[in-house]
Amino acid sequence: MFGIAIGVMALIVVLSVMNGFEEDIKTKILGTQSHIVISTYQGGIARPDDLERKIMQDPGVIGAAPFILSQGLISAPGGISGVVIRGIEPASAEKVIRLKEIITQGSSQNLNESGILLGSELALRSGVSVGDAVTVISPTGSMTPLGMIPKSMSFIVRGIFSTGMYEYDSNMVYISLEAAQGLFMKDGPSGIEVKVTDIYQADAVAARVMKAIGPGYWAKTWKDMNMSLFSALKLEKTVMFIILLFIILVAVFSIISTLIMMVMEKRKDIAILRSIGATTGQILRVFMALGMVIGLSGTVLGLVLGLLLTYNLNAVIGFVELVFGIEVMPIDVYYITGVPTQVDFALVGIIVLMSVALSFLATIYPARQAARQDPVEVMRYEG
């Protein structure tokens, strides 16, 4: 019973933690990325306002904003760093990404042609804060007799943001769309970022939008842009499920061995029951019921313990840290203040059903062995 309880509890807790981490990563990624990105094969959009109007006509779309995405260098007192530069319109971008929520210092409202938003890690590494000046250097430039001279512009740091993702916080900056057009010498935005009502319907919305706007465009959803990451998380979750399922399988074999030992110990009692009229079916049901009681008790106990531990996991971790003087999840490494958990009740139901089904299968062989005993032979040798 306790083996099944431990197995069910471990499955619920581990998979809930993995769901929590996946949801946490998804939230952080979608704080800086839109649900859908639409652009042209030429790399620019000539009439972004017309395209936005067509996109917003889809019932599944709740926001659209133009953007420019490129790479460059940022020069600050702390040195020169390579960065990903995103040109945005703050008013429309806030409808698509969580721009307000991720800003920890300053504000995006002052993101004019001379303003810039820096990631927290980049600002720390560059030694700048809100109000300081930095220089952004574009890889594109003007041809001169001496060769190509990169274009550069000076900006004032208007805000510092923190997404919780080190890659974004250390390599990304935001500037205004007008400043990006001047810096990269573009006539229009690189594409349109789109926010949808249901992120899990992004593929369907993208297909409808592409049909509505006509040929010459391509669309990528948040799944396409982070396919390798979420595929790895899904594979890891599947492997962990299979590995932890072996705990339940070991417990199931313990049920089989327990019932077999009970059958051997109760051979005489079984023979007496058979001799006074108990049928094979009745003996079979008795031992199957006994095995199911063990399996169901372990499953229910594991379910209760698993849910209790999942919902109180951070308190348990805090107690462990206090007792042993360790830090289980250092914030400077994991960028989280606690272990995120999310209970998927559909998955919990599958775990419970699998545990009950395996417990039922474990009772069949010992019960049949008990029912097939010949009472005459047992009484002859053990009577």
Protein backbone atom coordinates (compact mmCIF):
# COMPACT_ATOMS: atom_id res chain seq x y z
CA MET A 1 0.00 0.00 0.00
CA PHE A 2 2.72 2.45 0.98
CA GLY A 3 4.70 1.69 -2.16
CA ILE A 4 1.74 2.67 -4.35
CA ALA A 5 1.12 5.75 -2.17
CA ILE A 6 4.72 6.91 -2.60
CA GLY A 7 4.60 6.30 -6.35
CA VAL A 8 1.34 8.21 -6.85
CA MET A 9 2.56 11.03 -4.60
CA ALA A 10 5.88 11.31 -6.47
CA LEU A 11 4.15 11.39 -9.85
CA ILE A 12 1.72 14.12 -8.79
CA VAL A 13 4.37 16.31 -7.15
CA VAL A 14 7.04 16.00 -9.84
CA LEU A 15 4.70 16.50 -12.78
CA SER A 16 2.99 19.44 -11.03
CA VAL A 17 6.39 21.09 -10.49
CA MET A 18 7.32 20.50 -14.13
CA ASN A 19 3.98 21.97 -15.24
CA GLY A 20 4.64 24.96 -12.99
CA PHE A 21 8.10 25.53 -14.43
CA GLU A 22 6.76 25.21 -17.98
CA GLU A 23 4.00 27.73 -17.28
CA ASP A 24 6.48 30.07 -15.58
CA ILE A 25 8.86 29.93 -18.56
CA LYS A 26 5.94 30.41 -20.94
CA THR A 27 4.78 33.50 -19.02
CA LYS A 28 8.27 35.00 -19.04
CA ILE A 29 8.79 34.33 -22.73
CA LEU A 30 5.39 35.77 -23.67
CA GLY A 31 6.24 38.85 -21.61
CA THR A 32 8.71 39.88 -24.29
CA GLN A 33 7.46 37.92 -27.29
CA SER A 34 4.11 38.23 -28.99
CA HIS A 35 1.85 35.26 -29.70
CA ILE A 36 2.22 35.62 -33.47
CA VAL A 37 4.73 37.49 -35.66
CA ILE A 38 3.77 38.40 -39.23
CA SER A 39 6.21 39.75 -41.83
CA THR A 40 7.01 39.65 -45.53
CA TYR A 41 9.61 37.63 -47.39
CA GLN A 42 11.29 40.91 -48.33
CA GLY A 43 11.89 41.68 -44.66
CA GLY A 44 9.78 44.83 -44.35
CA ILE A 45 6.16 46.03 -44.47
CA ALA A 46 5.26 48.92 -46.75
CA ARG A 47 1.77 49.75 -45.38
CA PRO A 48 1.69 48.58 -41.75
CA ASP A 49 -1.54 50.44 -40.87
CA ASP A 50 -3.53 48.63 -43.57
CA LEU A 51 -2.07 45.29 -42.48
CA GLU A 52 -2.90 45.99 -38.81
CA ARG A 53 -6.54 46.74 -39.70
CA LYS A 54 -6.87 43.46 -41.57
CA ILE A 55 -5.27 41.53 -38.71
CA MET A 56 -7.50 43.15 -36.07
CA GLN A 57 -10.61 42.04 -37.97
CA ASP A 58 -10.02 38.45 -36.82
CA PRO A 59 -12.17 37.67 -33.73
CA GLY A 60 -9.27 35.83 -32.08
CA VAL A 61 -6.93 38.86 -32.18
CA ILE A 62 -6.91 41.39 -29.33
CA GLY A 63 -3.83 43.44 -30.22
CA ALA A 64 -1.36 44.21 -33.00
CA ALA A 65 1.74 46.38 -33.06
CA PRO A 66 4.54 47.09 -35.58
CA PHE A 67 8.15 46.40 -34.65
CA ILE A 68 11.70 46.44 -35.96
CA LEU A 69 14.11 43.73 -34.88
CA SER A 70 17.83 43.87 -35.50
CA GLN A 71 21.22 43.51 -33.84
CA GLY A 72 23.82 46.04 -32.89
CA LEU A 73 26.30 47.21 -30.28
CA ILE A 74 25.75 49.32 -27.21
CA SER A 75 28.57 51.45 -25.83
CA ALA A 76 28.42 52.40 -22.15
CA PRO A 77 30.86 53.17 -19.31
CA GLY A 78 31.03 49.45 -18.55
CA GLY A 79 32.15 48.56 -22.07
CA ILE A 80 30.70 47.54 -25.42
CA SER A 81 28.14 44.71 -25.67
CA GLY A 82 26.31 43.03 -28.51
CA VAL A 83 22.54 43.40 -28.17
CA VAL A 84 19.25 42.58 -29.83
CA ILE A 85 17.47 45.86 -30.59
CA ARG A 86 13.70 46.03 -30.81
CA GLY A 87 12.03 49.13 -32.15
CA ILE A 88 8.46 49.50 -30.83
CA GLU A 89 5.58 51.94 -30.44
CA PRO A 90 5.09 51.90 -26.63
CA ALA A 91 1.34 52.58 -26.76
CA SER A 92 0.55 49.74 -29.16
CA ALA A 93 3.29 47.40 -27.87
CA GLU A 94 1.73 47.41 -24.38
CA LYS A 95 -1.35 45.80 -25.92
CA VAL A 96 0.76 42.91 -27.24
CA ILE A 97 3.55 42.28 -24.70
CA ARG A 98 3.77 42.79 -20.92
CA LEU A 99 5.89 45.92 -21.26
CA LYS A 100 4.54 47.72 -18.18
CA GLU A 101 4.79 44.66 -15.97
CA ILE A 102 8.44 43.90 -16.71
CA ILE A 103 9.78 47.44 -16.16
CA THR A 104 11.37 47.67 -12.71
CA GLN A 105 12.86 51.19 -12.97
CA GLY A 106 11.73 54.19 -14.97
CA SER A 107 8.87 54.04 -17.44
CA SER A 108 8.14 53.20 -21.04
CA GLN A 109 6.05 56.36 -21.42
CA ASN A 110 9.23 58.38 -22.00
CA LEU A 111 10.44 56.11 -24.79
CA ASN A 112 10.75 58.84 -27.41
CA GLU A 113 13.32 59.07 -30.21
CA SER A 114 16.12 59.62 -27.70
CA GLY A 115 14.96 57.07 -25.09
CA ILE A 116 16.01 53.45 -24.57
CA LEU A 117 14.96 50.58 -22.25
CA LEU A 118 17.70 48.19 -21.09
CA GLY A 119 17.54 44.71 -19.60
CA SER A 120 18.49 44.55 -15.92
CA GLU A 121 21.54 42.32 -16.46
CA LEU A 122 22.72 44.44 -19.39
CA ALA A 123 22.35 47.64 -17.33
CA LEU A 124 24.29 46.08 -14.47
CA ARG A 125 27.05 44.88 -16.77
CA SER A 126 27.22 48.23 -18.58
CA GLY A 127 27.24 50.22 -15.33
CA VAL A 128 24.30 52.45 -16.23
CA SER A 129 21.01 53.39 -14.59
CA VAL A 130 17.96 55.47 -15.47
CA GLY A 131 19.02 58.87 -16.80
CA ASP A 132 22.46 57.81 -18.06
CA ALA A 133 23.51 58.11 -21.71
CA VAL A 134 24.53 55.22 -23.95
CA THR A 135 25.46 54.94 -27.60
CA VAL A 136 23.90 52.36 -29.92
CA ILE A 137 25.84 51.34 -33.02
CA SER A 138 24.07 49.83 -36.02
CA PRO A 139 25.69 47.23 -38.31
CA THR A 140 24.36 49.19 -41.28
CA GLY A 141 25.87 52.52 -42.28
CA SER A 142 26.83 54.85 -45.07
CA MET A 143 29.38 54.14 -47.77
CA THR A 144 32.28 56.57 -47.88
CA PRO A 145 35.60 56.64 -49.76
CA LEU A 146 37.07 55.00 -46.66
CA GLY A 147 34.47 52.22 -46.67
CA MET A 148 31.26 51.71 -44.75
CA ILE A 149 30.93 53.75 -41.58
CA PRO A 150 28.44 52.28 -39.09
CA LYS A 151 25.61 54.54 -38.03
CA SER A 152 25.41 55.38 -34.32
CA MET A 153 22.93 57.25 -32.12
CA SER A 154 22.99 58.44 -28.52
CA PHE A 155 20.14 57.49 -26.18
CA ILE A 156 19.11 58.26 -22.62
CA VAL A 157 18.16 55.28 -20.46
CA ARG A 158 14.45 55.79 -19.69
CA GLY A 159 13.82 52.48 -18.01
CA ILE A 160 15.22 49.11 -16.95
CA PHE A 161 13.20 45.91 -17.37
CA SER A 162 13.48 42.43 -15.92
CA THR A 163 11.74 39.49 -17.56
CA GLY A 164 13.24 36.79 -15.33
CA MET A 165 14.94 35.25 -18.37
CA TYR A 166 18.68 35.85 -18.34
CA GLU A 167 18.99 35.71 -22.14
CA TYR A 168 16.53 38.57 -22.55
CA ASP A 169 17.69 40.65 -19.58
CA SER A 170 21.32 40.56 -20.69
CA ASN A 171 20.95 40.98 -24.44
CA MET A 172 17.86 43.00 -25.28
CA VAL A 173 17.05 46.72 -25.53
CA TYR A 174 13.95 48.61 -26.63
CA ILE A 175 13.95 51.88 -28.56
CA SER A 176 11.16 53.75 -30.32
CA LEU A 177 10.07 52.63 -33.77
CA GLU A 178 11.04 56.01 -35.26
CA ALA A 179 14.52 55.80 -33.73
CA ALA A 180 14.95 52.26 -35.02
CA GLN A 181 13.96 53.30 -38.53
CA GLY A 182 16.60 56.03 -38.45
CA LEU A 183 19.25 53.84 -36.86
CA PHE A 184 18.82 50.95 -39.29
CA MET A 185 17.81 53.15 -42.24
CA LYS A 186 14.50 51.36 -42.80
CA ASP A 187 11.40 52.81 -44.44
CA GLY A 188 8.98 50.73 -42.39
CA PRO A 189 8.69 48.11 -39.66
CA SER A 190 10.09 44.59 -39.93
CA GLY A 191 6.74 43.04 -39.09
CA ILE A 192 3.60 43.05 -36.97
CA GLU A 193 3.36 41.47 -33.53
CA VAL A 194 -0.03 39.97 -32.71
CA LYS A 195 -1.68 39.03 -29.42
CA VAL A 196 -4.52 36.49 -29.38
CA THR A 197 -7.21 35.67 -26.84
CA ASP A 198 -6.13 32.04 -26.41
CA ILE A 199 -2.43 31.25 -26.83
CA TYR A 200 -3.24 27.60 -27.55
CA GLN A 201 -5.29 28.67 -30.58
CA ALA A 202 -2.43 30.74 -32.04
CA ASP A 203 -1.91 28.31 -34.93
CA ALA A 204 -5.56 28.51 -35.97
CA VAL A 205 -5.62 32.30 -35.68
CA ALA A 206 -2.38 32.58 -37.70
CA ALA A 207 -3.89 30.41 -40.45
CA ARG A 208 -7.01 32.60 -40.63
CA VAL A 209 -5.00 35.82 -40.65
CA MET A 210 -2.71 34.55 -43.40
CA LYS A 211 -5.74 33.67 -45.50
CA ALA A 212 -7.22 37.13 -44.91
CA ILE A 213 -4.12 39.20 -45.73
CA GLY A 214 -3.23 37.27 -48.85
CA PRO A 215 0.07 35.96 -50.29
CA GLY A 216 3.53 37.39 -49.76
CA TYR A 217 3.52 37.12 -45.95
CA TRP A 218 4.70 34.53 -43.44
CA ALA A 219 3.61 33.97 -39.84
CA LYS A 220 5.28 32.35 -36.85
CA THR A 221 3.56 31.53 -33.57
CA TRP A 222 5.14 31.51 -30.12
CA LYS A 223 5.34 27.71 -30.42
CA ASP A 224 7.37 27.98 -33.65
CA MET A 225 9.73 30.55 -32.15
CA ASN A 226 10.40 28.41 -29.04
CA MET A 227 9.92 24.95 -30.50
CA SER A 228 13.18 23.46 -29.23
CA LEU A 229 12.62 24.68 -25.66
CA PHE A 230 9.05 23.44 -25.29
CA SER A 231 9.83 20.19 -27.12
CA ALA A 232 12.62 19.56 -24.60
CA LEU A 233 10.27 20.30 -21.70
CA LYS A 234 7.62 17.97 -23.12
CA LEU A 235 10.17 15.19 -23.65
CA GLU A 236 11.52 15.66 -20.12
CA LYS A 237 8.02 15.47 -18.65
CA THR A 238 7.26 12.28 -20.59
CA VAL A 239 10.51 10.63 -19.51
CA MET A 240 9.93 11.59 -15.87
CA PHE A 241 6.40 10.16 -16.05
CA ILE A 242 7.72 6.84 -17.35
CA ILE A 243 10.53 6.69 -14.78
CA LEU A 244 8.27 7.47 -11.83
CA LEU A 245 5.68 5.01 -13.09
CA PHE A 246 8.18 2.26 -12.28
CA ILE A 247 7.72 3.10 -8.59
CA ILE A 248 4.06 2.13 -8.93
CA LEU A 249 5.04 -0.98 -10.91
CA VAL A 250 7.39 -2.07 -8.11
CA ALA A 251 4.55 -1.53 -5.63
CA VAL A 252 2.23 -3.58 -7.86
CA PHE A 253 4.67 -6.49 -7.75
CA SER A 254 4.65 -6.19 -3.97
CA ILE A 255 0.85 -6.62 -4.07
CA ILE A 256 1.32 -9.75 -6.18
CA SER A 257 3.90 -11.19 -3.80
CA THR A 258 1.77 -10.31 -0.76
CA LEU A 259 -1.28 -12.04 -2.18
CA ILE A 260 0.73 -15.09 -3.26
CA MET A 261 2.15 -15.43 0.26
CA MET A 262 -1.37 -15.05 1.67
CA VAL A 263 -2.65 -17.75 -0.66
CA MET A 264 0.11 -20.08 0.49
CA GLU A 265 -0.62 -19.32 4.16
CA LYS A 266 -4.39 -19.71 3.75
CA ARG A 267 -4.39 -22.90 1.68
CA LYS A 268 -6.15 -24.82 4.42
CA ASP A 269 -8.72 -22.07 5.00
CA ILE A 270 -9.41 -21.88 1.28
CA ALA A 271 -9.88 -25.67 1.15
CA ILE A 272 -12.35 -25.51 4.06
CA LEU A 273 -14.33 -22.77 2.33
CA ARG A 274 -14.42 -24.81 -0.86
CA SER A 275 -15.52 -27.92 1.02
CA ILE A 276 -18.48 -26.13 2.62
CA GLY A 277 -19.74 -24.86 -0.70
CA ALA A 278 -17.75 -21.74 -1.69
CA THR A 279 -17.49 -21.53 -5.45
CA THR A 280 -14.38 -20.80 -7.51
CA GLY A 281 -15.81 -17.43 -8.44
CA GLN A 282 -16.36 -16.49 -4.79
CA ILE A 283 -12.78 -17.36 -3.83
CA LEU A 284 -11.55 -15.42 -6.87
CA ARG A 285 -13.56 -12.35 -5.89
CA VAL A 286 -12.39 -12.49 -2.26
CA PHE A 287 -8.71 -12.27 -3.19
CA MET A 288 -9.30 -9.75 -5.95
CA ALA A 289 -11.24 -7.58 -3.51
CA LEU A 290 -8.40 -7.86 -0.99
CA GLY A 291 -5.86 -6.79 -3.58
CA MET A 292 -8.06 -3.90 -4.74
CA VAL A 293 -8.44 -2.70 -1.14
CA ILE A 294 -4.64 -2.51 -0.88
CA GLY A 295 -4.34 -0.78 -4.25
CA LEU A 296 -7.17 1.69 -3.69
CA SER A 297 -5.96 2.56 -0.19
CA GLY A 298 -2.46 3.26 -1.51
CA THR A 299 -3.82 5.29 -4.43
CA VAL A 300 -6.08 7.45 -2.26
CA LEU A 301 -3.31 7.97 0.30
CA GLY A 302 -0.84 8.92 -2.46
CA LEU A 303 -3.41 11.28 -4.03
CA VAL A 304 -4.03 13.10 -0.75
CA LEU A 305 -0.32 13.31 0.14
CA GLY A 306 0.61 14.39 -3.39
CA LEU A 307 -1.92 17.24 -3.48
CA LEU A 308 -1.03 18.36 0.06
CA LEU A 309 2.68 18.40 -0.73
CA THR A 310 2.16 20.15 -4.06
CA TYR A 311 0.09 22.98 -2.59
CA ASN A 312 2.49 23.39 0.35
CA LEU A 313 5.76 22.67 -1.47
CA ASN A 314 7.32 26.07 -0.87
CA ALA A 315 6.58 25.82 2.86
CA VAL A 316 8.22 22.38 2.94
CA ILE A 317 11.25 23.69 1.02
CA GLY A 318 11.47 26.63 3.42
CA PHE A 319 11.50 24.23 6.37
CA VAL A 320 14.25 22.13 4.72
CA GLU A 321 16.32 25.26 4.07
CA LEU A 322 15.88 26.36 7.70
CA VAL A 323 16.81 22.99 9.16
CA PHE A 324 19.79 22.21 6.94
CA GLY A 325 20.96 25.79 6.30
CA ILE A 326 20.92 25.46 2.51
CA GLU A 327 19.27 27.37 -0.32
CA VAL A 328 17.41 24.93 -2.56
CA MET A 329 16.57 27.44 -5.32
CA PRO A 330 19.11 30.34 -5.30
CA ILE A 331 17.39 33.37 -6.81
CA ASP A 332 20.59 34.54 -8.54
CA VAL A 333 20.73 31.23 -10.42
CA TYR A 334 17.08 30.38 -11.09
CA TYR A 335 15.54 33.90 -11.08
CA ILE A 336 12.54 32.70 -9.11
CA THR A 337 11.55 33.25 -5.49
CA GLY A 338 9.87 29.87 -5.08
CA VAL A 339 9.18 26.58 -6.81
CA PRO A 340 6.24 27.10 -9.21
CA THR A 341 3.62 24.36 -9.20
CA GLN A 342 0.53 23.80 -11.31
CA VAL A 343 -1.75 20.82 -10.74
CA ASP A 344 -3.14 19.35 -13.93
CA PHE A 345 -6.22 17.51 -12.67
CA ALA A 346 -6.64 15.67 -15.97
CA LEU A 347 -3.11 14.27 -15.53
CA VAL A 348 -3.83 13.50 -11.86
CA GLY A 349 -6.90 11.57 -12.99
CA ILE A 350 -4.79 9.56 -15.44
CA ILE A 351 -2.28 8.75 -12.67
CA VAL A 352 -5.06 7.57 -10.34
CA LEU A 353 -6.72 5.46 -13.06
CA MET A 354 -3.38 3.87 -14.02
CA SER A 355 -2.63 3.08 -10.38
CA VAL A 356 -6.05 1.47 -9.87
CA ALA A 357 -5.81 -0.44 -13.17
CA LEU A 358 -2.34 -1.79 -12.34
CA SER A 359 -3.53 -2.77 -8.86
CA PHE A 360 -6.45 -4.64 -10.42
CA LEU A 361 -4.18 -6.48 -12.85
CA ALA A 362 -1.90 -7.41 -9.94
CA THR A 363 -4.74 -9.27 -8.21
CA ILE A 364 -5.65 -11.54 -11.13
CA TYR A 365 -2.81 -14.09 -10.95
CA PRO A 366 -2.83 -14.66 -7.14
CA ALA A 367 -6.65 -14.79 -7.08
CA ARG A 368 -6.72 -17.40 -9.86
CA GLN A 369 -4.10 -19.45 -8.03
CA ALA A 370 -6.26 -19.40 -4.91
CA ALA A 371 -9.44 -20.31 -6.80
CA ARG A 372 -7.79 -23.19 -8.70
CA GLN A 373 -6.66 -25.06 -5.58
CA ASP A 374 -8.04 -28.58 -5.16
CA PRO A 375 -9.50 -28.81 -1.64
CA VAL A 376 -9.13 -32.61 -1.59
CA GLU A 377 -5.39 -32.43 -2.26
CA VAL A 378 -4.90 -29.65 0.29
CA MET A 379 -6.81 -31.53 3.02
CA ARG A 380 -4.95 -34.74 2.23
CA TYR A 381 -1.51 -33.23 2.70
CA GLU A 382 -2.20 -30.41 5.16
CA GLY A 383 -5.26 -31.62 7.02
